[in-house]
Amino acid sequence: MRIFDIFKNRDRDPKGLIEYFSLQDWWLNKLSDSERKTILEIYQPMGGSGLIDGNIQSTTQTDVGLLSGMVGWFSKAENRHISYKLIEQAESLITAETSPLDIHFLYGAKIEITYKDRDLSSAGLDIAVRACEQQISVAEASAKEFLRQYKDSPLPSHKGFTQLAIVLEKKKDFSQAIDLAKKAKKQGWAGDWDKRIERCSKKIA
C-alpha cells in the first residue's frame, strides 16, 4: 500500500480526539480533503496532536477547548478560512454546561482572527467588534472561574475589553470607551484602565 493510501485511510476513518469528541461528521463532511491535510500538517503541538490517531479513553480537554486551541495555528492569510471553520464548529458546541473559560478563550481566538480581517470588507470591523462583545458577555462568569481555579493569581488582561476600547477610542466615541474601561476595571481585568479613562475624559472636556 502506498504512503498516500495509508494517509487517506487514516483521514477517512479518524480516531483520536476527533473520534473521542464525536467530531467525525464535521471532520469528514465540513472540511475538504485539502483542509484536513493542511490541519494535519500544521497542527503539531508538543507531545503530538492525537487528532486522528490513537484510542483515547479520557482527556482533560474539552471539545470547545480543543477546537479553539487550534484556531491560532491557522492565522496566516492563506489558512485563515480553516480558523473560521474551527470557530464556527466550536461555537455550535457551546451548551449551558460549557466552562466559561472555554468560551472566554474561544472568543479570544475569534477576536484575533476577525480583527486581522477587519479591512477586508465593509462589515469586517463590525464582525471583529461583535467577537469582542461576545467575549465581554461572558467576562463576569469567566472572571469568577479564573479566580476559582487560580486563587493566588490576579486576573489577566482581557482581549475583548482591550480591543473594543481601542476601537471606540479610534472612533472618538470617548464616552463609551470610558464606560467600557470602568466596567473592565470593576471586574478586575488587568489593563491601563485608569490611563484610558483619564485620556478619554480629557478629550471629551
Protein backbone atom coordinates (compact mmCIF):
# COMPACT_ATOMS: atom_id res chain seq x y z
CA MET A 1 0.00 0.00 0.00
CA ARG A 2 1.37 3.42 -0.96
CA ILE A 3 2.04 6.08 1.69
CA PHE A 4 -0.70 8.27 0.14
CA ASP A 5 -3.22 5.45 0.56
CA ILE A 6 -2.24 4.97 4.22
CA PHE A 7 -2.71 8.69 4.81
CA LYS A 8 -6.06 8.64 3.04
CA ASN A 9 -7.33 5.69 5.07
CA ARG A 10 -6.33 7.39 8.35
CA ASP A 11 -8.03 10.56 7.23
CA ARG A 12 -11.29 8.85 6.24
CA ASP A 13 -11.56 6.81 9.46
CA PRO A 14 -10.39 9.25 12.16
CA LYS A 15 -9.69 8.03 15.67
CA GLY A 16 -8.00 10.09 18.37
CA LEU A 17 -9.61 13.27 19.63
CA ILE A 18 -11.87 13.60 16.61
CA GLU A 19 -13.48 10.27 17.45
CA TYR A 20 -13.45 10.93 21.23
CA PHE A 21 -15.43 14.17 20.81
CA SER A 22 -17.72 12.71 18.10
CA LEU A 23 -16.45 15.16 15.51
CA GLN A 24 -16.17 12.64 12.69
CA ASP A 25 -19.08 14.07 10.69
CA TRP A 26 -17.65 17.58 10.92
CA TRP A 27 -14.15 16.34 10.06
CA LEU A 28 -15.28 14.33 7.04
CA ASN A 29 -18.11 16.47 5.67
CA LYS A 30 -17.45 20.08 6.68
CA LEU A 31 -13.76 20.11 5.81
CA SER A 32 -12.32 19.49 2.36
CA ASP A 33 -9.57 16.97 1.69
CA SER A 34 -7.04 19.78 1.33
CA GLU A 35 -8.20 21.43 4.58
CA ARG A 36 -7.83 18.21 6.53
CA LYS A 37 -4.38 17.67 5.03
CA THR A 38 -3.37 21.23 5.96
CA ILE A 39 -4.62 20.77 9.53
CA LEU A 40 -2.63 17.56 9.97
CA GLU A 41 0.49 19.16 8.53
CA ILE A 42 0.36 22.40 10.53
CA TYR A 43 -1.25 21.47 13.84
CA GLN A 44 1.71 19.95 15.66
CA PRO A 45 1.52 20.75 19.41
CA MET A 46 4.21 19.47 21.74
CA GLY A 47 3.63 15.83 22.54
CA GLY A 48 1.72 15.27 19.31
CA SER A 49 -1.83 16.22 18.46
CA GLY A 50 -3.52 12.83 18.72
CA LEU A 51 -6.08 14.40 16.45
CA ILE A 52 -7.00 11.41 14.31
CA ASP A 53 -4.71 8.74 15.76
CA GLY A 54 -4.87 6.66 18.91
CA ASN A 55 -7.58 5.18 21.08
CA ILE A 56 -8.26 7.92 23.61
CA GLN A 57 -10.16 6.83 26.72
CA SER A 58 -10.11 10.11 28.64
CA THR A 59 -8.69 13.63 28.43
CA THR A 60 -8.78 16.85 30.39
CA GLN A 61 -9.50 18.68 27.13
CA THR A 62 -12.99 19.61 26.04
CA ASP A 63 -14.42 19.74 22.54
CA VAL A 64 -14.68 23.55 22.58
CA GLY A 65 -11.24 23.84 24.14
CA LEU A 66 -9.67 21.57 21.52
CA LEU A 67 -11.06 23.50 18.56
CA SER A 68 -10.43 26.98 19.97
CA GLY A 69 -6.86 25.96 20.81
CA MET A 70 -6.33 25.02 17.18
CA VAL A 71 -7.53 28.33 15.77
CA GLY A 72 -4.27 30.25 16.19
CA TRP A 73 -2.32 27.65 14.21
CA PHE A 74 -4.15 28.78 11.07
CA SER A 75 -3.97 32.56 11.44
CA LYS A 76 -1.94 33.16 8.26
CA ALA A 77 -4.00 34.65 5.46
CA GLU A 78 -3.80 31.55 3.26
CA ASN A 79 -5.11 29.30 6.06
CA ARG A 80 -7.48 31.67 7.85
CA HIS A 81 -10.55 30.06 6.28
CA ILE A 82 -9.74 26.99 8.36
CA SER A 83 -9.74 29.11 11.51
CA TYR A 84 -13.23 30.30 10.70
CA LYS A 85 -14.42 26.71 10.29
CA LEU A 86 -12.88 25.77 13.64
CA ILE A 87 -14.55 28.76 15.32
CA GLU A 88 -17.92 28.02 13.76
CA GLN A 89 -17.84 24.40 14.91
CA ALA A 90 -16.66 25.32 18.40
CA GLU A 91 -19.47 27.86 18.76
CA SER A 92 -22.01 25.22 17.72
CA LEU A 93 -20.82 23.00 20.59
CA ILE A 94 -21.39 25.57 23.35
CA THR A 95 -24.02 24.46 25.85
CA ALA A 96 -25.16 25.56 29.30
CA GLU A 97 -22.54 23.16 30.72
CA THR A 98 -19.61 24.60 28.75
CA SER A 99 -16.95 26.11 31.00
CA PRO A 100 -16.94 29.94 30.95
CA LEU A 101 -13.18 29.76 30.41
CA ASP A 102 -13.59 27.60 27.30
CA ILE A 103 -15.99 30.22 25.95
CA HIS A 104 -13.65 33.03 27.01
CA PHE A 105 -10.68 31.53 25.16
CA LEU A 106 -12.78 30.67 22.11
CA TYR A 107 -13.94 34.25 21.72
CA GLY A 108 -10.41 35.46 22.38
CA ALA A 109 -9.24 33.38 19.43
CA LYS A 110 -12.16 34.66 17.36
CA ILE A 111 -11.20 38.27 18.12
CA GLU A 112 -7.63 37.68 16.92
CA ILE A 113 -8.76 36.14 13.64
CA THR A 114 -11.61 38.52 12.82
CA TYR A 115 -9.57 41.61 13.71
CA LYS A 116 -6.92 40.55 11.18
CA ASP A 117 -9.66 40.66 8.53
CA ARG A 118 -11.24 43.92 9.68
CA ASP A 119 -10.30 45.77 6.47
CA LEU A 120 -11.29 43.06 4.01
CA SER A 121 -14.95 44.09 3.78
CA SER A 122 -17.28 46.88 4.83
CA ALA A 123 -18.56 44.63 7.63
CA GLY A 124 -15.12 43.39 8.67
CA LEU A 125 -14.69 45.68 11.66
CA ASP A 126 -18.29 45.07 12.79
CA ILE A 127 -17.59 41.32 12.85
CA ALA A 128 -14.48 41.87 14.99
CA VAL A 129 -16.43 44.17 17.33
CA ARG A 130 -19.11 41.51 17.67
CA ALA A 131 -16.45 38.99 18.69
CA CYS A 132 -15.26 41.42 21.37
CA GLU A 133 -18.83 41.81 22.61
CA GLN A 134 -19.25 38.03 22.73
CA GLN A 135 -16.19 37.66 24.96
CA ILE A 136 -17.31 40.58 27.14
CA SER A 137 -20.74 38.97 27.55
CA VAL A 138 -19.16 36.10 29.49
CA ALA A 139 -16.47 38.21 31.19
CA GLU A 140 -18.07 38.20 34.63
CA ALA A 141 -18.54 34.42 34.63
CA SER A 142 -15.06 33.76 33.25
CA ALA A 143 -13.53 36.11 35.87
CA LYS A 144 -15.17 34.09 38.63
CA GLU A 145 -13.89 30.87 37.10
CA PHE A 146 -10.38 32.27 36.72
CA LEU A 147 -10.31 33.25 40.39
CA ARG A 148 -11.75 29.89 41.43
CA GLN A 149 -9.10 27.93 39.56
CA TYR A 150 -6.15 30.26 40.14
CA LYS A 151 -6.78 31.61 43.62
CA ASP A 152 -3.35 33.23 44.05
CA SER A 153 -3.26 34.96 40.67
CA PRO A 154 -4.83 38.25 39.63
CA LEU A 155 -6.97 38.35 36.53
CA PRO A 156 -5.02 38.69 33.26
CA SER A 157 -5.76 41.21 30.54
CA HIS A 158 -8.99 40.78 28.61
CA LYS A 159 -8.74 40.84 24.83
CA GLY A 160 -12.38 41.77 24.27
CA PHE A 161 -12.39 44.74 26.62
CA THR A 162 -8.99 45.95 25.41
CA GLN A 163 -9.63 45.64 21.68
CA LEU A 164 -13.08 47.16 21.83
CA ALA A 165 -11.79 50.07 23.92
CA ILE A 166 -9.16 50.71 21.25
CA VAL A 167 -11.81 50.65 18.51
CA LEU A 168 -14.09 53.03 20.41
CA GLU A 169 -11.25 55.45 21.08
CA LYS A 170 -10.24 55.43 17.40
CA LYS A 171 -13.85 56.20 16.53
CA LYS A 172 -13.69 59.10 19.02
CA ASP A 173 -16.53 57.52 20.98
CA PHE A 174 -14.87 58.53 24.21
CA SER A 175 -17.91 58.20 26.46
CA GLN A 176 -18.42 54.55 25.55
CA ALA A 177 -14.68 53.89 25.83
CA ILE A 178 -14.76 55.31 29.38
CA ASP A 179 -17.79 53.20 30.33
CA LEU A 180 -16.12 50.09 28.94
CA ALA A 181 -12.87 50.79 30.78
CA LYS A 182 -14.76 51.31 34.03
CA LYS A 183 -16.58 48.01 33.56
CA ALA A 184 -13.34 46.12 32.89
CA LYS A 185 -11.68 47.73 35.91
CA LYS A 186 -14.64 46.92 38.16
CA GLN A 187 -14.48 43.26 37.15
CA GLY A 188 -10.76 43.20 37.94
CA TRP A 189 -9.25 42.59 34.49
CA ALA A 190 -5.67 43.78 34.14
CA GLY A 191 -5.10 46.82 31.96
CA ASP A 192 -4.26 50.50 31.87
CA TRP A 193 -7.88 51.38 32.54
CA ASP A 194 -7.20 54.46 34.67
CA LYS A 195 -4.94 55.94 32.00
CA ARG A 196 -7.52 55.25 29.31
CA ILE A 197 -10.29 56.80 31.39
CA GLU A 198 -8.16 59.87 32.06
CA ARG A 199 -7.10 60.23 28.43
CA CYS A 200 -10.64 59.87 27.09
CA SER A 201 -12.05 62.20 29.72
CA LYS A 202 -9.64 64.93 28.64
CA LYS A 203 -10.74 64.50 25.02
CA ILE A 204 -14.38 64.97 25.99
CA ALA A 205 -13.73 68.10 28.03
